[in-house]
Amino acid sequence: MRKDKQKVLDEVWTEDRVKSFLSYEPLAGTDPDFHALLKAYQSMRASDFDLFVTFFKAQSRNINATNPDGQSVLDIVNTHRHGAEFAEVLRRAGAEQ
């Protein structure tokens, strides 16, 4: 982390802020559902991610969307040491491996 950046702890995540991740624009060639899920996973705590997934599913979006390499967000989360809570959120929402 750069010295001019301060680490933010206990950041407040309002419902509006969580919902804002639903409209993230993907990079060219990337599935919009995959991109939104991945960005939410990378940015949120598990409890906030759980709320995000609720909104995501309410829009009938694809919890099993993949990147150009065929990986789902669950596939990626499962490779991370601290991803267990996030993986459980995804599985409860219907994510498959």
PDB file of N, CA and C in Angstrom:
ATOM      1  N   MET A   1       0.844  -1.168   0.000  1.00  0.00           N
ATOM      2  CA  MET A   1       0.000   0.000   0.000  1.00  0.00           C
ATOM      3  C   MET A   1       0.896   1.240   0.000  1.00  0.00           C
ATOM      4  N   ARG A   2       0.498   2.220  -0.805  1.00  0.00           N
ATOM      5  CA  ARG A   2       1.282   3.451  -0.874  1.00  0.00           C
ATOM      6  C   ARG A   2       1.182   4.192   0.451  1.00  0.00           C
ATOM      7  N   LYS A   3       2.247   4.933   0.790  1.00  0.00           N
ATOM      8  CA  LYS A   3       2.272   5.654   2.058  1.00  0.00           C
ATOM      9  C   LYS A   3       1.233   6.758   2.127  1.00  0.00           C
ATOM     10  N   ASP A   4       0.813   7.306   0.986  1.00  0.00           N
ATOM     11  CA  ASP A   4      -0.178   8.380   1.007  1.00  0.00           C
ATOM     12  C   ASP A   4      -1.611   7.845   1.096  1.00  0.00           C
ATOM     13  N   LYS A   5      -1.778   6.529   1.092  1.00  0.00           N
ATOM     14  CA  LYS A   5      -3.093   5.908   1.224  1.00  0.00           C
ATOM     15  C   LYS A   5      -3.250   5.366   2.635  1.00  0.00           C
ATOM     16  N   GLN A   6      -4.374   5.667   3.244  1.00  0.00           N
ATOM     17  CA  GLN A   6      -4.637   5.125   4.558  1.00  0.00           C
ATOM     18  C   GLN A   6      -5.540   3.913   4.423  1.00  0.00           C
ATOM     19  N   LYS A   7      -5.275   2.914   5.239  1.00  0.00           N
ATOM     20  CA  LYS A   7      -6.093   1.720   5.240  1.00  0.00           C
ATOM     21  C   LYS A   7      -7.430   2.050   5.885  1.00  0.00           C
ATOM     22  N   VAL A   8      -8.509   1.615   5.240  1.00  0.00           N
ATOM     23  CA  VAL A   8      -9.846   1.891   5.755  1.00  0.00           C
ATOM     24  C   VAL A   8     -10.349   0.639   6.467  1.00  0.00           C
ATOM     25  N   LEU A   9     -10.702   0.793   7.734  1.00  0.00           N
ATOM     26  CA  LEU A   9     -11.228  -0.309   8.522  1.00  0.00           C
ATOM     27  C   LEU A   9     -12.671  -0.005   8.903  1.00  0.00           C
ATOM     28  N   ASP A  10     -13.480  -1.039   9.035  1.00  0.00           N
ATOM     29  CA  ASP A  10     -14.876  -0.897   9.441  1.00  0.00           C
ATOM     30  C   ASP A  10     -15.643   0.090   8.568  1.00  0.00           C
ATOM     31  N   GLU A  11     -15.404   0.002   7.290  1.00  0.00           N
ATOM     32  CA  GLU A  11     -16.084   0.851   6.326  1.00  0.00           C
ATOM     33  C   GLU A  11     -17.586   0.549   6.340  1.00  0.00           C
ATOM     34  N   VAL A  12     -18.394   1.573   6.202  1.00  0.00           N
ATOM     35  CA  VAL A  12     -19.843   1.409   6.203  1.00  0.00           C
ATOM     36  C   VAL A  12     -20.317   1.058   4.798  1.00  0.00           C
ATOM     37  N   TRP A  13     -21.083  -0.006   4.712  1.00  0.00           N
ATOM     38  CA  TRP A  13     -21.645  -0.449   3.443  1.00  0.00           C
ATOM     39  C   TRP A  13     -23.158  -0.325   3.523  1.00  0.00           C
ATOM     40  N   THR A  14     -23.701   0.726   2.955  1.00  0.00           N
ATOM     41  CA  THR A  14     -25.137   0.902   2.903  1.00  0.00           C
ATOM     42  C   THR A  14     -25.715   0.006   1.813  1.00  0.00           C
ATOM     43  N   GLU A  15     -27.043  -0.183   1.837  1.00  0.00           N
ATOM     44  CA  GLU A  15     -27.674  -0.975   0.780  1.00  0.00           C
ATOM     45  C   GLU A  15     -27.440  -0.358  -0.586  1.00  0.00           C
ATOM     46  N   ASP A  16     -27.493   0.959  -0.661  1.00  0.00           N
ATOM     47  CA  ASP A  16     -27.260   1.629  -1.948  1.00  0.00           C
ATOM     48  C   ASP A  16     -25.849   1.378  -2.451  1.00  0.00           C
ATOM     49  N   ARG A  17     -24.896   1.396  -1.560  1.00  0.00           N
ATOM     50  CA  ARG A  17     -23.510   1.147  -1.978  1.00  0.00           C
ATOM     51  C   ARG A  17     -23.353  -0.287  -2.465  1.00  0.00           C
ATOM     52  N   VAL A  18     -23.940  -1.223  -1.737  1.00  0.00           N
ATOM     53  CA  VAL A  18     -23.879  -2.626  -2.148  1.00  0.00           C
ATOM     54  C   VAL A  18     -24.542  -2.790  -3.519  1.00  0.00           C
ATOM     55  N   LYS A  19     -25.713  -2.184  -3.709  1.00  0.00           N
ATOM     56  CA  LYS A  19     -26.432  -2.275  -4.982  1.00  0.00           C
ATOM     57  C   LYS A  19     -25.652  -1.650  -6.139  1.00  0.00           C
ATOM     58  N   SER A  20     -24.805  -0.671  -5.835  1.00  0.00           N
ATOM     59  CA  SER A  20     -24.059  -0.004  -6.906  1.00  0.00           C
ATOM     60  C   SER A  20     -23.164  -0.979  -7.674  1.00  0.00           C
ATOM     61  N   PHE A  21     -22.781  -2.077  -7.042  1.00  0.00           N
ATOM     62  CA  PHE A  21     -21.937  -3.069  -7.712  1.00  0.00           C
ATOM     63  C   PHE A  21     -22.705  -3.835  -8.791  1.00  0.00           C
ATOM     64  N   LEU A  22     -24.023  -3.769  -8.763  1.00  0.00           N
ATOM     65  CA  LEU A  22     -24.825  -4.431  -9.786  1.00  0.00           C
ATOM     66  C   LEU A  22     -24.662  -3.775 -11.154  1.00  0.00           C
ATOM     67  N   SER A  23     -24.227  -2.546 -11.162  1.00  0.00           N
ATOM     68  CA  SER A  23     -24.134  -1.814 -12.434  1.00  0.00           C
ATOM     69  C   SER A  23     -22.698  -1.626 -12.917  1.00  0.00           C
ATOM     70  N   TYR A  24     -21.750  -2.329 -12.331  1.00  0.00           N
ATOM     71  CA  TYR A  24     -20.368  -2.221 -12.806  1.00  0.00           C
ATOM     72  C   TYR A  24     -20.258  -2.699 -14.244  1.00  0.00           C
ATOM     73  N   GLU A  25     -19.614  -1.915 -15.056  1.00  0.00           N
ATOM     74  CA  GLU A  25     -19.419  -2.260 -16.464  1.00  0.00           C
ATOM     75  C   GLU A  25     -18.219  -3.196 -16.608  1.00  0.00           C
ATOM     76  N   PRO A  26     -18.400  -4.294 -17.327  1.00  0.00           N
ATOM     77  CA  PRO A  26     -17.296  -5.244 -17.501  1.00  0.00           C
ATOM     78  C   PRO A  26     -16.304  -4.799 -18.569  1.00  0.00           C
ATOM     79  N   LEU A  27     -15.149  -5.402 -18.525  1.00  0.00           N
ATOM     80  CA  LEU A  27     -14.173  -5.232 -19.591  1.00  0.00           C
ATOM     81  C   LEU A  27     -14.700  -5.935 -20.833  1.00  0.00           C
ATOM     82  N   ALA A  28     -14.222  -5.531 -21.980  1.00  0.00           N
ATOM     83  CA  ALA A  28     -14.663  -6.152 -23.233  1.00  0.00           C
ATOM     84  C   ALA A  28     -14.433  -7.660 -23.179  1.00  0.00           C
ATOM     85  N   GLY A  29     -15.440  -8.417 -23.566  1.00  0.00           N
ATOM     86  CA  GLY A  29     -15.316  -9.867 -23.605  1.00  0.00           C
ATOM     87  C   GLY A  29     -15.578 -10.558 -22.281  1.00  0.00           C
ATOM     88  N   THR A  30     -15.958  -9.797 -21.251  1.00  0.00           N
ATOM     89  CA  THR A  30     -16.224 -10.379 -19.943  1.00  0.00           C
ATOM     90  C   THR A  30     -17.724 -10.352 -19.665  1.00  0.00           C
ATOM     91  N   ASP A  31     -18.248 -11.455 -19.193  1.00  0.00           N
ATOM     92  CA  ASP A  31     -19.666 -11.550 -18.858  1.00  0.00           C
ATOM     93  C   ASP A  31     -20.003 -10.538 -17.760  1.00  0.00           C
ATOM     94  N   PRO A  32     -21.030  -9.722 -17.941  1.00  0.00           N
ATOM     95  CA  PRO A  32     -21.379  -8.705 -16.940  1.00  0.00           C
ATOM     96  C   PRO A  32     -21.723  -9.298 -15.571  1.00  0.00           C
ATOM     97  N   ASP A  33     -22.348 -10.465 -15.541  1.00  0.00           N
ATOM     98  CA  ASP A  33     -22.687 -11.084 -14.262  1.00  0.00           C
ATOM     99  C   ASP A  33     -21.427 -11.567 -13.540  1.00  0.00           C
ATOM    100  N   PHE A  34     -20.522 -12.174 -14.283  1.00  0.00           N
ATOM    101  CA  PHE A  34     -19.258 -12.598 -13.689  1.00  0.00           C
ATOM    102  C   PHE A  34     -18.508 -11.387 -13.131  1.00  0.00           C
ATOM    103  N   HIS A  35     -18.443 -10.338 -13.913  1.00  0.00           N
ATOM    104  CA  HIS A  35     -17.696  -9.141 -13.518  1.00  0.00           C
ATOM    105  C   HIS A  35     -18.271  -8.520 -12.236  1.00  0.00           C
ATOM    106  N   ALA A  36     -19.593  -8.392 -12.172  1.00  0.00           N
ATOM    107  CA  ALA A  36     -20.232  -7.801 -10.993  1.00  0.00           C
ATOM    108  C   ALA A  36     -19.962  -8.657  -9.752  1.00  0.00           C
ATOM    109  N   LEU A  37     -20.105  -9.972  -9.881  1.00  0.00           N
ATOM    110  CA  LEU A  37     -19.847 -10.868  -8.745  1.00  0.00           C
ATOM    111  C   LEU A  37     -18.401 -10.795  -8.287  1.00  0.00           C
ATOM    112  N   LEU A  38     -17.485 -10.818  -9.238  1.00  0.00           N
ATOM    113  CA  LEU A  38     -16.067 -10.794  -8.882  1.00  0.00           C
ATOM    114  C   LEU A  38     -15.697  -9.488  -8.192  1.00  0.00           C
ATOM    115  N   LYS A  39     -16.162  -8.365  -8.721  1.00  0.00           N
ATOM    116  CA  LYS A  39     -15.853  -7.071  -8.108  1.00  0.00           C
ATOM    117  C   LYS A  39     -16.433  -6.985  -6.702  1.00  0.00           C
ATOM    118  N   ALA A  40     -17.640  -7.491  -6.525  1.00  0.00           N
ATOM    119  CA  ALA A  40     -18.251  -7.491  -5.196  1.00  0.00           C
ATOM    120  C   ALA A  40     -17.436  -8.362  -4.247  1.00  0.00           C
ATOM    121  N   TYR A  41     -17.053  -9.543  -4.689  1.00  0.00           N
ATOM    122  CA  TYR A  41     -16.241 -10.442  -3.866  1.00  0.00           C
ATOM    123  C   TYR A  41     -14.921  -9.780  -3.463  1.00  0.00           C
ATOM    124  N   GLN A  42     -14.285  -9.123  -4.403  1.00  0.00           N
ATOM    125  CA  GLN A  42     -12.983  -8.499  -4.137  1.00  0.00           C
ATOM    126  C   GLN A  42     -13.081  -7.282  -3.214  1.00  0.00           C
ATOM    127  N   SER A  43     -14.254  -6.695  -3.119  1.00  0.00           N
ATOM    128  CA  SER A  43     -14.394  -5.430  -2.406  1.00  0.00           C
ATOM    129  C   SER A  43     -15.119  -5.520  -1.068  1.00  0.00           C
ATOM    130  N   MET A  44     -15.903  -6.539  -0.867  1.00  0.00           N
ATOM    131  CA  MET A  44     -16.798  -6.582   0.283  1.00  0.00           C
ATOM    132  C   MET A  44     -16.391  -7.612   1.324  1.00  0.00           C
ATOM    133  N   ARG A  45     -16.891  -7.379   2.534  1.00  0.00           N
ATOM    134  CA  ARG A  45     -16.826  -8.396   3.583  1.00  0.00           C
ATOM    135  C   ARG A  45     -17.888  -9.435   3.253  1.00  0.00           C
ATOM    136  N   ALA A  46     -17.784 -10.602   3.864  1.00  0.00           N
ATOM    137  CA  ALA A  46     -18.718 -11.689   3.566  1.00  0.00           C
ATOM    138  C   ALA A  46     -20.169 -11.288   3.834  1.00  0.00           C
ATOM    139  N   SER A  47     -20.434 -10.573   4.900  1.00  0.00           N
ATOM    140  CA  SER A  47     -21.816 -10.182   5.215  1.00  0.00           C
ATOM    141  C   SER A  47     -22.372  -9.228   4.156  1.00  0.00           C
ATOM    142  N   ASP A  48     -21.547  -8.318   3.680  1.00  0.00           N
ATOM    143  CA  ASP A  48     -21.981  -7.396   2.625  1.00  0.00           C
ATOM    144  C   ASP A  48     -22.149  -8.140   1.305  1.00  0.00           C
ATOM    145  N   PHE A  49     -21.261  -9.079   1.045  1.00  0.00           N
ATOM    146  CA  PHE A  49     -21.346  -9.893  -0.166  1.00  0.00           C
ATOM    147  C   PHE A  49     -22.638 -10.715  -0.157  1.00  0.00           C
ATOM    148  N   ASP A  50     -23.023 -11.220   0.993  1.00  0.00           N
ATOM    149  CA  ASP A  50     -24.265 -11.969   1.134  1.00  0.00           C
ATOM    150  C   ASP A  50     -25.459 -11.098   0.733  1.00  0.00           C
ATOM    151  N   LEU A  51     -25.468  -9.851   1.192  1.00  0.00           N
ATOM    152  CA  LEU A  51     -26.528  -8.914   0.819  1.00  0.00           C
ATOM    153  C   LEU A  51     -26.493  -8.644  -0.683  1.00  0.00           C
ATOM    154  N   PHE A  52     -25.301  -8.439  -1.224  1.00  0.00           N
ATOM    155  CA  PHE A  52     -25.152  -8.211  -2.661  1.00  0.00           C
ATOM    156  C   PHE A  52     -25.739  -9.372  -3.462  1.00  0.00           C
ATOM    157  N   VAL A  53     -25.424 -10.593  -3.065  1.00  0.00           N
ATOM    158  CA  VAL A  53     -25.903 -11.771  -3.789  1.00  0.00           C
ATOM    159  C   VAL A  53     -27.432 -11.843  -3.739  1.00  0.00           C
ATOM    160  N   THR A  54     -28.037 -11.408  -2.650  1.00  0.00           N
ATOM    161  CA  THR A  54     -29.491 -11.352  -2.555  1.00  0.00           C
ATOM    162  C   THR A  54     -30.058 -10.424  -3.629  1.00  0.00           C
ATOM    163  N   PHE A  55     -29.470  -9.238  -3.759  1.00  0.00           N
ATOM    164  CA  PHE A  55     -29.913  -8.286  -4.787  1.00  0.00           C
ATOM    165  C   PHE A  55     -29.631  -8.833  -6.188  1.00  0.00           C
ATOM    166  N   PHE A  56     -28.489  -9.458  -6.355  1.00  0.00           N
ATOM    167  CA  PHE A  56     -28.061 -10.043  -7.628  1.00  0.00           C
ATOM    168  C   PHE A  56     -29.076 -11.087  -8.086  1.00  0.00           C
ATOM    169  N   LYS A  57     -29.444 -11.995  -7.194  1.00  0.00           N
ATOM    170  CA  LYS A  57     -30.398 -13.047  -7.517  1.00  0.00           C
ATOM    171  C   LYS A  57     -31.791 -12.472  -7.769  1.00  0.00           C
ATOM    172  N   ALA A  58     -32.161 -11.401  -7.064  1.00  0.00           N
ATOM    173  CA  ALA A  58     -33.470 -10.776  -7.258  1.00  0.00           C
ATOM    174  C   ALA A  58     -33.612 -10.222  -8.675  1.00  0.00           C
ATOM    175  N   GLN A  59     -32.490  -9.923  -9.316  1.00  0.00           N
ATOM    176  CA  GLN A  59     -32.501  -9.454 -10.699  1.00  0.00           C
ATOM    177  C   GLN A  59     -32.388 -10.613 -11.698  1.00  0.00           C
ATOM    178  N   SER A  60     -32.483 -11.832 -11.202  1.00  0.00           N
ATOM    179  CA  SER A  60     -32.395 -13.048 -12.035  1.00  0.00           C
ATOM    180  C   SER A  60     -31.090 -13.111 -12.812  1.00  0.00           C
ATOM    181  N   ARG A  61     -30.021 -12.706 -12.167  1.00  0.00           N
ATOM    182  CA  ARG A  61     -28.713 -12.752 -12.821  1.00  0.00           C
ATOM    183  C   ARG A  61     -28.060 -14.114 -12.597  1.00  0.00           C
ATOM    184  N   ASN A  62     -27.053 -14.416 -13.388  1.00  0.00           N
ATOM    185  CA  ASN A  62     -26.438 -15.744 -13.435  1.00  0.00           C
ATOM    186  C   ASN A  62     -25.319 -15.892 -12.406  1.00  0.00           C
ATOM    187  N   ILE A  63     -25.598 -16.625 -11.331  1.00  0.00           N
ATOM    188  CA  ILE A  63     -24.621 -16.855 -10.263  1.00  0.00           C
ATOM    189  C   ILE A  63     -23.476 -17.753 -10.744  1.00  0.00           C
ATOM    190  N   ASN A  64     -23.692 -18.470 -11.861  1.00  0.00           N
ATOM    191  CA  ASN A  64     -22.678 -19.376 -12.400  1.00  0.00           C
ATOM    192  C   ASN A  64     -21.978 -18.804 -13.635  1.00  0.00           C
ATOM    193  N   ALA A  65     -22.095 -17.502 -13.851  1.00  0.00           N
ATOM    194  CA  ALA A  65     -21.423 -16.874 -14.999  1.00  0.00           C
ATOM    195  C   ALA A  65     -19.918 -17.121 -14.912  1.00  0.00           C
ATOM    196  N   THR A  66     -19.282 -17.187 -16.079  1.00  0.00           N
ATOM    197  CA  THR A  66     -17.847 -17.488 -16.115  1.00  0.00           C
ATOM    198  C   THR A  66     -17.055 -16.403 -16.838  1.00  0.00           C
ATOM    199  N   ASN A  67     -15.760 -16.409 -16.572  1.00  0.00           N
ATOM    200  CA  ASN A  67     -14.836 -15.518 -17.275  1.00  0.00           C
ATOM    201  C   ASN A  67     -14.458 -16.173 -18.605  1.00  0.00           C
ATOM    202  N   PRO A  68     -13.674 -15.492 -19.435  1.00  0.00           N
ATOM    203  CA  PRO A  68     -13.298 -16.083 -20.735  1.00  0.00           C
ATOM    204  C   PRO A  68     -12.539 -17.410 -20.616  1.00  0.00           C
ATOM    205  N   ASP A  69     -11.963 -17.693 -19.434  1.00  0.00           N
ATOM    206  CA  ASP A  69     -11.253 -18.956 -19.225  1.00  0.00           C
ATOM    207  C   ASP A  69     -12.167 -20.060 -18.700  1.00  0.00           C
ATOM    208  N   GLY A  70     -13.458 -19.756 -18.555  1.00  0.00           N
ATOM    209  CA  GLY A  70     -14.412 -20.752 -18.091  1.00  0.00           C
ATOM    210  C   GLY A  70     -14.504 -20.898 -16.582  1.00  0.00           C
ATOM    211  N   GLN A  71     -13.898 -19.991 -15.844  1.00  0.00           N
ATOM    212  CA  GLN A  71     -13.947 -20.049 -14.379  1.00  0.00           C
ATOM    213  C   GLN A  71     -15.114 -19.225 -13.854  1.00  0.00           C
ATOM    214  N   SER A  72     -15.835 -19.790 -12.889  1.00  0.00           N
ATOM    215  CA  SER A  72     -16.879 -19.040 -12.201  1.00  0.00           C
ATOM    216  C   SER A  72     -16.250 -18.324 -11.008  1.00  0.00           C
ATOM    217  N   VAL A  73     -17.007 -17.430 -10.409  1.00  0.00           N
ATOM    218  CA  VAL A  73     -16.497 -16.751  -9.207  1.00  0.00           C
ATOM    219  C   VAL A  73     -16.286 -17.777  -8.097  1.00  0.00           C
ATOM    220  N   LEU A  74     -17.170 -18.773  -7.989  1.00  0.00           N
ATOM    221  CA  LEU A  74     -16.975 -19.823  -6.986  1.00  0.00           C
ATOM    222  C   LEU A  74     -15.664 -20.563  -7.217  1.00  0.00           C
ATOM    223  N   ASP A  75     -15.329 -20.856  -8.466  1.00  0.00           N
ATOM    224  CA  ASP A  75     -14.045 -21.507  -8.764  1.00  0.00           C
ATOM    225  C   ASP A  75     -12.887 -20.673  -8.235  1.00  0.00           C
ATOM    226  N   ILE A  76     -12.959 -19.379  -8.435  1.00  0.00           N
ATOM    227  CA  ILE A  76     -11.885 -18.480  -8.006  1.00  0.00           C
ATOM    228  C   ILE A  76     -11.843 -18.383  -6.491  1.00  0.00           C
ATOM    229  N   VAL A  77     -13.007 -18.211  -5.876  1.00  0.00           N
ATOM    230  CA  VAL A  77     -13.080 -18.084  -4.413  1.00  0.00           C
ATOM    231  C   VAL A  77     -12.513 -19.333  -3.740  1.00  0.00           C
ATOM    232  N   ASN A  78     -12.780 -20.493  -4.304  1.00  0.00           N
ATOM    233  CA  ASN A  78     -12.296 -21.743  -3.708  1.00  0.00           C
ATOM    234  C   ASN A  78     -10.776 -21.863  -3.695  1.00  0.00           C
ATOM    235  N   THR A  79     -10.085 -21.051  -4.477  1.00  0.00           N
ATOM    236  CA  THR A  79      -8.621 -21.096  -4.466  1.00  0.00           C
ATOM    237  C   THR A  79      -8.023 -20.153  -3.424  1.00  0.00           C
ATOM    238  N   HIS A  80      -8.864 -19.363  -2.770  1.00  0.00           N
ATOM    239  CA  HIS A  80      -8.381 -18.377  -1.805  1.00  0.00           C
ATOM    240  C   HIS A  80      -8.482 -18.908  -0.381  1.00  0.00           C
ATOM    241  N   ARG A  81      -7.462 -18.680   0.361  1.00  0.00           N
ATOM    242  CA  ARG A  81      -7.356 -19.197   1.722  1.00  0.00           C
ATOM    243  C   ARG A  81      -8.505 -18.735   2.615  1.00  0.00           C
ATOM    244  N   HIS A  82      -8.949 -17.505   2.457  1.00  0.00           N
ATOM    245  CA  HIS A  82     -10.005 -16.957   3.313  1.00  0.00           C
ATOM    246  C   HIS A  82     -11.343 -16.858   2.580  1.00  0.00           C
ATOM    247  N   GLY A  83     -11.553 -17.707   1.612  1.00  0.00           N
ATOM    248  CA  GLY A  83     -12.750 -17.619   0.791  1.00  0.00           C
ATOM    249  C   GLY A  83     -13.922 -18.473   1.242  1.00  0.00           C
ATOM    250  N   ALA A  84     -13.786 -19.226   2.325  1.00  0.00           N
ATOM    251  CA  ALA A  84     -14.831 -20.184   2.717  1.00  0.00           C
ATOM    252  C   ALA A  84     -16.196 -19.535   2.940  1.00  0.00           C
ATOM    253  N   GLU A  85     -16.244 -18.412   3.643  1.00  0.00           N
ATOM    254  CA  GLU A  85     -17.527 -17.746   3.890  1.00  0.00           C
ATOM    255  C   GLU A  85     -18.169 -17.284   2.590  1.00  0.00           C
ATOM    256  N   PHE A  86     -17.352 -16.746   1.702  1.00  0.00           N
ATOM    257  CA  PHE A  86     -17.849 -16.269   0.412  1.00  0.00           C
ATOM    258  C   PHE A  86     -18.355 -17.443  -0.431  1.00  0.00           C
ATOM    259  N   ALA A  87     -17.619 -18.551  -0.400  1.00  0.00           N
ATOM    260  CA  ALA A  87     -18.028 -19.740  -1.149  1.00  0.00           C
ATOM    261  C   ALA A  87     -19.369 -20.246  -0.641  1.00  0.00           C
ATOM    262  N   GLU A  88     -19.572 -20.222   0.660  1.00  0.00           N
ATOM    263  CA  GLU A  88     -20.847 -20.656   1.225  1.00  0.00           C
ATOM    264  C   GLU A  88     -21.991 -19.762   0.769  1.00  0.00           C
ATOM    265  N   VAL A  89     -21.763 -18.453   0.717  1.00  0.00           N
ATOM    266  CA  VAL A  89     -22.777 -17.521   0.221  1.00  0.00           C
ATOM    267  C   VAL A  89     -23.149 -17.881  -1.207  1.00  0.00           C
ATOM    268  N   LEU A  90     -22.146 -18.131  -2.038  1.00  0.00           N
ATOM    269  CA  LEU A  90     -22.391 -18.466  -3.437  1.00  0.00           C
ATOM    270  C   LEU A  90     -23.136 -19.792  -3.578  1.00  0.00           C
ATOM    271  N   ARG A  91     -22.756 -20.787  -2.783  1.00  0.00           N
ATOM    272  CA  ARG A  91     -23.428 -22.087  -2.853  1.00  0.00           C
ATOM    273  C   ARG A  91     -24.892 -21.979  -2.434  1.00  0.00           C
ATOM    274  N   ARG A  92     -25.159 -21.229  -1.364  1.00  0.00           N
ATOM    275  CA  ARG A  92     -26.543 -21.036  -0.911  1.00  0.00           C
ATOM    276  C   ARG A  92     -27.390 -20.376  -2.003  1.00  0.00           C
ATOM    277  N   ALA A  93     -26.738 -19.572  -2.830  1.00  0.00           N
ATOM    278  CA  ALA A  93     -27.444 -18.864  -3.912  1.00  0.00           C
ATOM    279  C   ALA A  93     -27.568 -19.717  -5.169  1.00  0.00           C
ATOM    280  N   GLY A  94     -27.026 -20.928  -5.136  1.00  0.00           N
ATOM    281  CA  GLY A  94     -27.171 -21.831  -6.260  1.00  0.00           C
ATOM    282  C   GLY A  94     -25.939 -22.012  -7.118  1.00  0.00           C
ATOM    283  N   ALA A  95     -24.807 -21.466  -6.694  1.00  0.00           N
ATOM    284  CA  ALA A  95     -23.575 -21.634  -7.470  1.00  0.00           C
ATOM    285  C   ALA A  95     -23.141 -23.099  -7.453  1.00  0.00           C
ATOM    286  N   GLU A  96     -22.680 -23.536  -8.606  1.00  0.00           N
ATOM    287  CA  GLU A  96     -22.230 -24.913  -8.778  1.00  0.00           C
ATOM    288  C   GLU A  96     -20.789 -24.938  -9.239  1.00  0.00           C
ATOM    289  N   GLN A  97     -20.125 -26.040  -8.942  1.00  0.00           N
ATOM    290  CA  GLN A  97     -18.751 -26.184  -9.401  1.00  0.00           C
ATOM    291  C   GLN A  97     -18.667 -27.104 -10.570  1.00  0.00           C
TER     292      GLN A  97
END
